[in-house]
Each structure stands twice: as structure tokens, then as C-alpha cells.
Amino acid sequence: MTFDEHALHALSTSHSDHCPLLLAHMSALRRPTPFKLENFWTKLPRFHEVVQQAWAQPTSHTEPYHRLGHKLFTTGKALKAWSRSIISDARMKLHMAQEVILRLNIAQEHRELSNEEFQLRTKLKRRILGWAVIEKAR
């Protein structure tokens, strides 16, 4: 409490029954945020493929717990990168679809939409709901 600009962190206890503590200044580098699996990821394209590829990466570790830890770390890192590409892609598609719908709505004020334009607008509205669900879940 005397050092309010500092934080106390518990470090790994993997090699001992003691828990070393680290007193660090708050402006110092922060520990990375832990990996969190989002439930909806399992339903997105390429999820299983990314997991299989990351899990199959070779590791130089021979001790089973270190091998497992390395595989989990590698898989988490791959899923984070994949997630960023999927989510940003979904957000971009959401904005593009909204723009196309807006332009079709403006065109409809001046003329009747063709059958293809009407079907495109309907299809985009349905897809927007899916992308919006992804963004909301995110």
C-alpha cells in the first residue's frame, strides 16, 4: 500500500512449491494478456484447420508438460492471429454491405430497382445480421 505506483505479481511455481513474487512499477512493461477462447470461434470458417496446423507444429521440448505447454501456446497464438483476421474481415464486410445497401436505397428513391439489385439488397441484409452477431459476440 505504501508503493501505490507498483503492482505485486505472483510468478510461476512450476519448479518449486514456493511462489516467487515480483514487485513491478506500473509504468513498466505489463504481462501479456492470457489467451481466451471465444465460444463462437468454433462455428467460424477455418477454426479447426488453424487448430490442427498449430497443434501439429514441431516442438523441441522433450518433457511432456513442456511439450503440452508449447503446443497450447502455439495454438493460442495462431488462434489470436486468425481471430484478428476474421473479425476485422467481418467488420469490413459489414461496413461494405451497409454502404451498398445505402446506395441501393438511394437509387430506389429515384427509380425501381432491378430484380438483381433487389435480390442483392435482400441477401446483404441477411448477411449483415450474421456479421452483426459476430461483432456483438466479440
C-alpha atoms as a PDB file:
ATOM      1  CA  MET A   1       0.000   0.000   0.000  1.00  0.00           C
ATOM      2  CA  THR A   2       2.995   2.263   0.531  1.00  0.00           C
ATOM      3  CA  PHE A   3       4.026   1.738  -3.102  1.00  0.00           C
ATOM      4  CA  ASP A   4       0.780   2.648  -4.896  1.00  0.00           C
ATOM      5  CA  GLU A   5       2.597   3.053  -8.235  1.00  0.00           C
ATOM      6  CA  HIS A   6       3.684  -0.576  -8.079  1.00  0.00           C
ATOM      7  CA  ALA A   7       1.995  -3.935  -8.549  1.00  0.00           C
ATOM      8  CA  LEU A   8       2.795  -7.272  -6.942  1.00  0.00           C
ATOM      9  CA  HIS A   9       2.675 -10.286  -9.308  1.00  0.00           C
ATOM     10  CA  ALA A  10       2.873 -13.971  -8.417  1.00  0.00           C
ATOM     11  CA  LEU A  11       5.303 -15.776 -10.714  1.00  0.00           C
ATOM     12  CA  SER A  12       5.324 -19.379 -11.922  1.00  0.00           C
ATOM     13  CA  THR A  13       5.571 -22.155  -9.338  1.00  0.00           C
ATOM     14  CA  SER A  14       6.466 -24.827 -11.886  1.00  0.00           C
ATOM     15  CA  HIS A  15       9.870 -25.705 -10.398  1.00  0.00           C
ATOM     16  CA  SER A  16       9.189 -25.304  -6.689  1.00  0.00           C
ATOM     17  CA  ASP A  17       6.495 -25.332  -4.036  1.00  0.00           C
ATOM     18  CA  HIS A  18       7.300 -21.658  -3.350  1.00  0.00           C
ATOM     19  CA  CYS A  19       5.594 -18.820  -5.166  1.00  0.00           C
ATOM     20  CA  PRO A  20       8.076 -16.050  -6.001  1.00  0.00           C
ATOM     21  CA  LEU A  21       6.670 -12.531  -6.085  1.00  0.00           C
ATOM     22  CA  LEU A  22       7.631  -9.717  -8.443  1.00  0.00           C
ATOM     23  CA  LEU A  23       7.213  -6.097  -7.385  1.00  0.00           C
ATOM     24  CA  ALA A  24       6.990  -4.039 -10.587  1.00  0.00           C
ATOM     25  CA  HIS A  25       6.405  -0.376 -11.313  1.00  0.00           C
ATOM     26  CA  MET A  26       3.035   0.217 -13.051  1.00  0.00           C
ATOM     27  CA  SER A  27       4.641   2.069 -15.964  1.00  0.00           C
ATOM     28  CA  ALA A  28       6.891  -0.917 -16.685  1.00  0.00           C
ATOM     29  CA  LEU A  29       6.008  -3.460 -19.323  1.00  0.00           C
ATOM     30  CA  ARG A  30       2.859  -5.375 -18.475  1.00  0.00           C
ATOM     31  CA  ARG A  31       2.498  -9.102 -18.702  1.00  0.00           C
ATOM     32  CA  PRO A  32       0.716 -10.309 -21.824  1.00  0.00           C
ATOM     33  CA  THR A  33      -2.996 -10.929 -21.506  1.00  0.00           C
ATOM     34  CA  PRO A  34      -3.882 -14.614 -21.198  1.00  0.00           C
ATOM     35  CA  PHE A  35      -5.416 -16.439 -24.142  1.00  0.00           C
ATOM     36  CA  LYS A  36      -9.206 -16.648 -24.067  1.00  0.00           C
ATOM     37  CA  LEU A  37     -11.078 -18.950 -26.402  1.00  0.00           C
ATOM     38  CA  GLU A  38     -14.311 -17.414 -27.668  1.00  0.00           C
ATOM     39  CA  ASN A  39     -17.111 -19.998 -27.896  1.00  0.00           C
ATOM     40  CA  PHE A  40     -18.390 -18.698 -31.226  1.00  0.00           C
ATOM     41  CA  TRP A  41     -14.986 -19.259 -32.902  1.00  0.00           C
ATOM     42  CA  THR A  42     -15.714 -22.973 -33.278  1.00  0.00           C
ATOM     43  CA  LYS A  43     -18.502 -22.143 -35.725  1.00  0.00           C
ATOM     44  CA  LEU A  44     -16.381 -19.852 -37.916  1.00  0.00           C
ATOM     45  CA  PRO A  45     -14.597 -20.914 -41.099  1.00  0.00           C
ATOM     46  CA  ARG A  46     -11.109 -22.450 -40.795  1.00  0.00           C
ATOM     47  CA  PHE A  47     -11.194 -22.718 -36.967  1.00  0.00           C
ATOM     48  CA  HIS A  48     -10.493 -26.456 -36.913  1.00  0.00           C
ATOM     49  CA  GLU A  49      -7.888 -26.128 -39.663  1.00  0.00           C
ATOM     50  CA  VAL A  50      -5.986 -23.434 -37.713  1.00  0.00           C
ATOM     51  CA  VAL A  51      -6.044 -25.556 -34.549  1.00  0.00           C
ATOM     52  CA  GLN A  52      -4.826 -28.668 -36.388  1.00  0.00           C
ATOM     53  CA  GLN A  53      -1.999 -26.798 -38.143  1.00  0.00           C
ATOM     54  CA  ALA A  54      -0.840 -25.064 -34.959  1.00  0.00           C
ATOM     55  CA  TRP A  55      -1.038 -28.257 -32.888  1.00  0.00           C
ATOM     56  CA  ALA A  56       0.987 -30.154 -35.497  1.00  0.00           C
ATOM     57  CA  GLN A  57       3.884 -27.674 -35.310  1.00  0.00           C
ATOM     58  CA  PRO A  58       7.068 -29.457 -34.222  1.00  0.00           C
ATOM     59  CA  THR A  59       8.482 -28.662 -30.797  1.00  0.00           C
ATOM     60  CA  SER A  60      11.995 -29.100 -29.448  1.00  0.00           C
ATOM     61  CA  HIS A  61      10.707 -29.864 -25.946  1.00  0.00           C
ATOM     62  CA  THR A  62      11.029 -33.463 -24.762  1.00  0.00           C
ATOM     63  CA  GLU A  63       9.363 -33.231 -21.343  1.00  0.00           C
ATOM     64  CA  PRO A  64       5.590 -33.917 -21.724  1.00  0.00           C
ATOM     65  CA  TYR A  65       4.375 -30.883 -19.747  1.00  0.00           C
ATOM     66  CA  HIS A  66       6.668 -28.544 -21.658  1.00  0.00           C
ATOM     67  CA  ARG A  67       5.518 -30.084 -24.960  1.00  0.00           C
ATOM     68  CA  LEU A  68       1.896 -29.576 -23.938  1.00  0.00           C
ATOM     69  CA  GLY A  69       2.570 -26.017 -22.789  1.00  0.00           C
ATOM     70  CA  HIS A  70       4.358 -25.200 -26.038  1.00  0.00           C
ATOM     71  CA  LYS A  71       1.552 -26.688 -28.154  1.00  0.00           C
ATOM     72  CA  LEU A  72      -1.073 -24.762 -26.199  1.00  0.00           C
ATOM     73  CA  PHE A  73       0.929 -21.532 -26.526  1.00  0.00           C
ATOM     74  CA  THR A  74       1.439 -22.053 -30.282  1.00  0.00           C
ATOM     75  CA  THR A  75      -2.231 -22.881 -30.829  1.00  0.00           C
ATOM     76  CA  GLY A  76      -3.383 -19.874 -28.801  1.00  0.00           C
ATOM     77  CA  LYS A  77      -1.068 -17.564 -30.732  1.00  0.00           C
ATOM     78  CA  ALA A  78      -2.335 -18.929 -34.069  1.00  0.00           C
ATOM     79  CA  LEU A  79      -5.962 -18.573 -32.977  1.00  0.00           C
ATOM     80  CA  LYS A  80      -5.404 -14.957 -31.869  1.00  0.00           C
ATOM     81  CA  ALA A  81      -3.924 -14.081 -35.271  1.00  0.00           C
ATOM     82  CA  TRP A  82      -6.712 -15.957 -37.096  1.00  0.00           C
ATOM     83  CA  SER A  83      -9.355 -14.256 -34.961  1.00  0.00           C
ATOM     84  CA  ARG A  84      -7.991 -10.791 -35.723  1.00  0.00           C
ATOM     85  CA  SER A  85      -8.121 -11.534 -39.457  1.00  0.00           C
ATOM     86  CA  ILE A  86     -11.655 -12.987 -39.268  1.00  0.00           C
ATOM     87  CA  ILE A  87     -13.104 -10.270 -37.065  1.00  0.00           C
ATOM     88  CA  SER A  88     -11.549  -7.397 -38.966  1.00  0.00           C
ATOM     89  CA  ASP A  89     -12.686  -9.064 -42.187  1.00  0.00           C
ATOM     90  CA  ALA A  90     -16.228  -9.398 -40.813  1.00  0.00           C
ATOM     91  CA  ARG A  91     -16.226  -5.747 -39.729  1.00  0.00           C
ATOM     92  CA  MET A  92     -15.010  -4.650 -43.173  1.00  0.00           C
ATOM     93  CA  LYS A  93     -17.667  -6.766 -44.913  1.00  0.00           C
ATOM     94  CA  LEU A  94     -20.306  -5.350 -42.574  1.00  0.00           C
ATOM     95  CA  HIS A  95     -19.394  -1.774 -43.493  1.00  0.00           C
ATOM     96  CA  MET A  96     -19.165  -2.563 -47.209  1.00  0.00           C
ATOM     97  CA  ALA A  97     -22.583  -4.238 -47.186  1.00  0.00           C
ATOM     98  CA  GLN A  98     -24.092  -1.280 -45.346  1.00  0.00           C
ATOM     99  CA  GLU A  99     -22.668   1.077 -47.971  1.00  0.00           C
ATOM    100  CA  VAL A 100     -24.079  -0.978 -50.862  1.00  0.00           C
ATOM    101  CA  ILE A 101     -27.488  -1.141 -49.175  1.00  0.00           C
ATOM    102  CA  LEU A 102     -27.430   2.618 -48.624  1.00  0.00           C
ATOM    103  CA  ARG A 103     -26.662   3.223 -52.313  1.00  0.00           C
ATOM    104  CA  LEU A 104     -29.411   0.823 -53.389  1.00  0.00           C
ATOM    105  CA  ASN A 105     -31.871   2.608 -51.077  1.00  0.00           C
ATOM    106  CA  ILE A 106     -30.892   5.968 -52.574  1.00  0.00           C
ATOM    107  CA  ALA A 107     -31.300   4.538 -56.091  1.00  0.00           C
ATOM    108  CA  GLN A 108     -34.735   3.184 -55.150  1.00  0.00           C
ATOM    109  CA  GLU A 109     -35.874   6.715 -54.287  1.00  0.00           C
ATOM    110  CA  HIS A 110     -35.360   7.721 -57.952  1.00  0.00           C
ATOM    111  CA  ARG A 111     -36.209   4.537 -59.821  1.00  0.00           C
ATOM    112  CA  GLU A 112     -37.416   0.995 -59.357  1.00  0.00           C
ATOM    113  CA  LEU A 113     -34.674  -1.493 -58.505  1.00  0.00           C
ATOM    114  CA  SER A 114     -33.985  -4.311 -60.944  1.00  0.00           C
ATOM    115  CA  ASN A 115     -34.671  -7.848 -59.787  1.00  0.00           C
ATOM    116  CA  GLU A 116     -30.906  -8.472 -59.369  1.00  0.00           C
ATOM    117  CA  GLU A 117     -30.470  -5.293 -57.294  1.00  0.00           C
ATOM    118  CA  PHE A 118     -33.442  -6.189 -55.110  1.00  0.00           C
ATOM    119  CA  GLN A 119     -32.089  -9.727 -54.538  1.00  0.00           C
ATOM    120  CA  LEU A 120     -28.618  -8.347 -53.769  1.00  0.00           C
ATOM    121  CA  ARG A 121     -30.033  -5.945 -51.189  1.00  0.00           C
ATOM    122  CA  THR A 122     -32.051  -8.740 -49.559  1.00  0.00           C
ATOM    123  CA  LYS A 123     -29.003 -11.043 -49.486  1.00  0.00           C
ATOM    124  CA  LEU A 124     -26.813  -8.313 -47.980  1.00  0.00           C
ATOM    125  CA  LYS A 125     -29.382  -7.540 -45.283  1.00  0.00           C
ATOM    126  CA  ARG A 126     -29.355 -11.202 -44.236  1.00  0.00           C
ATOM    127  CA  ARG A 127     -25.561 -11.304 -44.182  1.00  0.00           C
ATOM    128  CA  ILE A 128     -25.411  -8.106 -42.143  1.00  0.00           C
ATOM    129  CA  LEU A 129     -27.353  -9.871 -39.411  1.00  0.00           C
ATOM    130  CA  GLY A 130     -24.718 -12.632 -39.305  1.00  0.00           C
ATOM    131  CA  TRP A 131     -21.789 -10.210 -39.245  1.00  0.00           C
ATOM    132  CA  ALA A 132     -23.526  -8.108 -36.602  1.00  0.00           C
ATOM    133  CA  VAL A 133     -23.944 -11.223 -34.428  1.00  0.00           C
ATOM    134  CA  ILE A 134     -20.204 -11.909 -34.757  1.00  0.00           C
ATOM    135  CA  GLU A 135     -19.373  -8.334 -33.788  1.00  0.00           C
ATOM    136  CA  LYS A 136     -21.814  -8.386 -30.862  1.00  0.00           C
ATOM    137  CA  ALA A 137     -20.430 -11.686 -29.579  1.00  0.00           C
ATOM    138  CA  ARG A 138     -16.939 -10.288 -29.924  1.00  0.00           C
END
